[in-house]
Every structure is written in C-alpha cells, then in structure tokens.
Amino acid sequence: MKNPAKFMREVRQEAGRVTWPTRRETTVSTLMVVVLVIVASLFFLLVDSVLSWGVTKILGIGG
C-alpha cells in the first residue's frame, strides 16, 4: 500500500508535465469538430431523404 503523501507528490509531479494546448490549437480543433459535425449531418440528411423517397416509391405510399 502506498503512502498517501508520496502519492500526492507523484500526482503533482505528473501534473507538472502536462502540456496544455494553445488558444489557437483549441480554436482550430473546435472549428474542425463543428465543420465535421455539419458535414456529417448534411450527409445523413441526404441519405435519409434518398432512402425515404425510395421506400415511398417502392411501397407506393405517401404523397
């Protein structure tokens, strides 16, 4: 079993090694995520619309 004080020292030491992203890196990553979410949403909207249209034509239901 480890000594709690030693554990806390090791945690502080490890936290000191963490490198945080810059503001620019965070902004670029966030914009990439937003753009990819929009692209994926549009793709799935298109696929859903095409499949819905196809099923409607095949089954002859709807308007």
Protein backbone atom coordinates (compact mmCIF):
# COMPACT_ATOMS: atom_id res chain seq x y z
CA MET A 1 0.00 0.00 0.00
CA LYS A 2 1.36 3.42 -0.97
CA ASN A 3 1.93 6.33 1.31
CA PRO A 4 -0.79 8.98 0.61
CA ALA A 5 1.75 11.82 0.86
CA LYS A 6 4.03 10.14 -1.67
CA PHE A 7 1.06 9.56 -3.96
CA MET A 8 0.12 13.27 -3.82
CA ARG A 9 3.73 14.28 -4.60
CA GLU A 10 3.70 11.99 -7.63
CA VAL A 11 0.37 13.41 -8.78
CA ARG A 12 1.74 16.98 -8.54
CA GLN A 13 4.88 15.94 -10.38
CA GLU A 14 2.86 14.30 -13.16
CA ALA A 15 0.52 17.30 -13.43
CA GLY A 16 3.57 19.49 -13.95
CA ARG A 17 4.40 17.52 -17.10
CA VAL A 18 1.04 18.20 -18.72
CA THR A 19 1.22 20.40 -21.79
CA TRP A 20 -1.94 22.39 -22.43
CA PRO A 21 -2.97 23.34 -25.97
CA THR A 22 -2.61 26.94 -27.03
CA ARG A 23 -5.67 29.10 -27.65
CA ARG A 24 -5.08 28.76 -31.40
CA GLU A 25 -4.89 24.96 -31.24
CA THR A 26 -8.10 24.85 -29.22
CA THR A 27 -9.88 27.18 -31.65
CA VAL A 28 -8.76 25.23 -34.71
CA SER A 29 -9.77 21.90 -33.15
CA THR A 30 -13.17 23.26 -32.14
CA LEU A 31 -13.81 24.65 -35.62
CA MET A 32 -12.81 21.33 -37.18
CA VAL A 33 -15.25 19.48 -34.96
CA VAL A 34 -18.08 21.91 -35.76
CA VAL A 35 -17.41 21.68 -39.52
CA LEU A 36 -17.26 17.88 -39.45
CA VAL A 37 -20.50 17.68 -37.43
CA ILE A 38 -22.22 19.90 -40.01
CA VAL A 39 -20.85 17.82 -42.92
CA ALA A 40 -21.91 14.56 -41.26
CA SER A 41 -25.38 15.99 -40.51
CA LEU A 42 -25.85 17.05 -44.13
CA PHE A 43 -24.65 13.64 -45.36
CA PHE A 44 -27.09 11.75 -43.14
CA LEU A 45 -29.91 14.15 -44.07
CA LEU A 46 -29.23 13.42 -47.75
CA VAL A 47 -29.03 9.64 -47.22
CA ASP A 48 -32.22 9.68 -45.13
CA SER A 49 -34.06 11.73 -47.76
CA VAL A 50 -32.98 9.41 -50.59
CA LEU A 51 -33.93 6.28 -48.66
CA SER A 52 -37.26 7.79 -47.62
CA TRP A 53 -38.02 8.74 -51.24
CA GLY A 54 -37.04 5.25 -52.44
CA VAL A 55 -39.15 3.43 -49.88
CA THR A 56 -42.11 5.69 -50.66
CA LYS A 57 -41.79 4.94 -54.39
CA ILE A 58 -41.33 1.20 -53.87
CA LEU A 59 -44.27 0.84 -51.49
CA GLY A 60 -46.43 3.37 -53.28
CA ILE A 61 -47.45 5.16 -50.11
CA GLY A 62 -47.40 8.79 -49.11
CA GLY A 63 -47.51 11.82 -51.31
